[in-house]
Amino acid sequence: MTKEEDEREREREREREEREGILNDAQLYAHRYHWSGHGLAAFFSNQETSNTNG
């Protein structure tokens, strides 16, 4: 397999995983709310708060 073929295969794999919803919560949240900087900031702020509290 050439390098280009390998890269295309990895890209197809990523796209299939996204369609199937195989992403961790932070990635999924960021993808879903990429248009909302405020929502993303709130999410990461909440993550930091929960991490320091427990």
Protein backbone atom coordinates (compact mmCIF):
# COMPACT_ATOMS: atom_id res chain seq x y z
CA MET A 1 0.00 0.00 0.00
CA THR A 2 1.37 3.40 -0.90
CA LYS A 3 1.54 6.22 1.62
CA GLU A 4 -1.34 8.01 -0.16
CA GLU A 5 -3.51 4.88 -0.07
CA ASP A 6 -2.72 4.40 3.60
CA GLU A 7 -3.69 7.98 4.41
CA ARG A 8 -6.95 7.66 2.48
CA GLU A 9 -7.72 4.43 4.33
CA ARG A 10 -7.11 6.09 7.71
CA GLU A 11 -9.35 9.00 6.69
CA ARG A 12 -12.15 6.60 5.70
CA GLU A 13 -11.71 4.83 9.04
CA ARG A 14 -12.03 8.13 10.94
CA GLU A 15 -15.13 9.11 8.97
CA ARG A 16 -16.75 5.75 9.67
CA GLU A 17 -15.96 6.05 13.37
CA GLU A 18 -17.52 9.52 13.44
CA ARG A 19 -20.66 8.23 11.74
CA GLU A 20 -20.84 5.33 14.19
CA GLY A 21 -20.29 7.68 17.12
CA ILE A 22 -17.02 6.13 18.27
CA LEU A 23 -15.50 9.25 19.80
CA ASN A 24 -14.71 10.16 23.34
CA ASP A 25 -17.08 12.61 25.04
CA ALA A 26 -14.84 15.66 24.71
CA GLN A 27 -14.27 15.12 20.98
CA LEU A 28 -17.96 14.47 20.40
CA TYR A 29 -18.93 17.58 22.37
CA ALA A 30 -16.37 19.72 20.56
CA HIS A 31 -17.55 18.40 17.19
CA ARG A 32 -21.21 18.93 17.99
CA TYR A 33 -20.68 22.44 19.38
CA HIS A 34 -17.79 23.60 17.23
CA TRP A 35 -19.90 26.64 16.30
CA SER A 36 -20.31 27.60 19.95
CA GLY A 37 -17.13 28.84 21.62
CA HIS A 38 -19.12 29.68 24.73
CA GLY A 39 -20.50 26.14 25.03
CA LEU A 40 -17.05 24.67 24.55
CA ALA A 41 -15.52 27.01 27.11
CA ALA A 42 -18.23 26.07 29.60
CA PHE A 43 -17.59 22.36 28.96
CA PHE A 44 -13.85 22.64 29.59
CA SER A 45 -14.45 24.90 32.59
CA ASN A 46 -16.73 22.22 34.05
CA GLN A 47 -14.09 19.55 33.36
CA GLU A 48 -11.45 21.55 35.24
CA THR A 49 -13.81 22.17 38.15
CA SER A 50 -14.72 18.50 38.50
CA ASN A 51 -11.06 17.47 38.18
CA THR A 52 -9.88 19.77 40.98
CA ASN A 53 -12.79 18.83 43.24
CA GLY A 54 -12.36 15.14 42.99
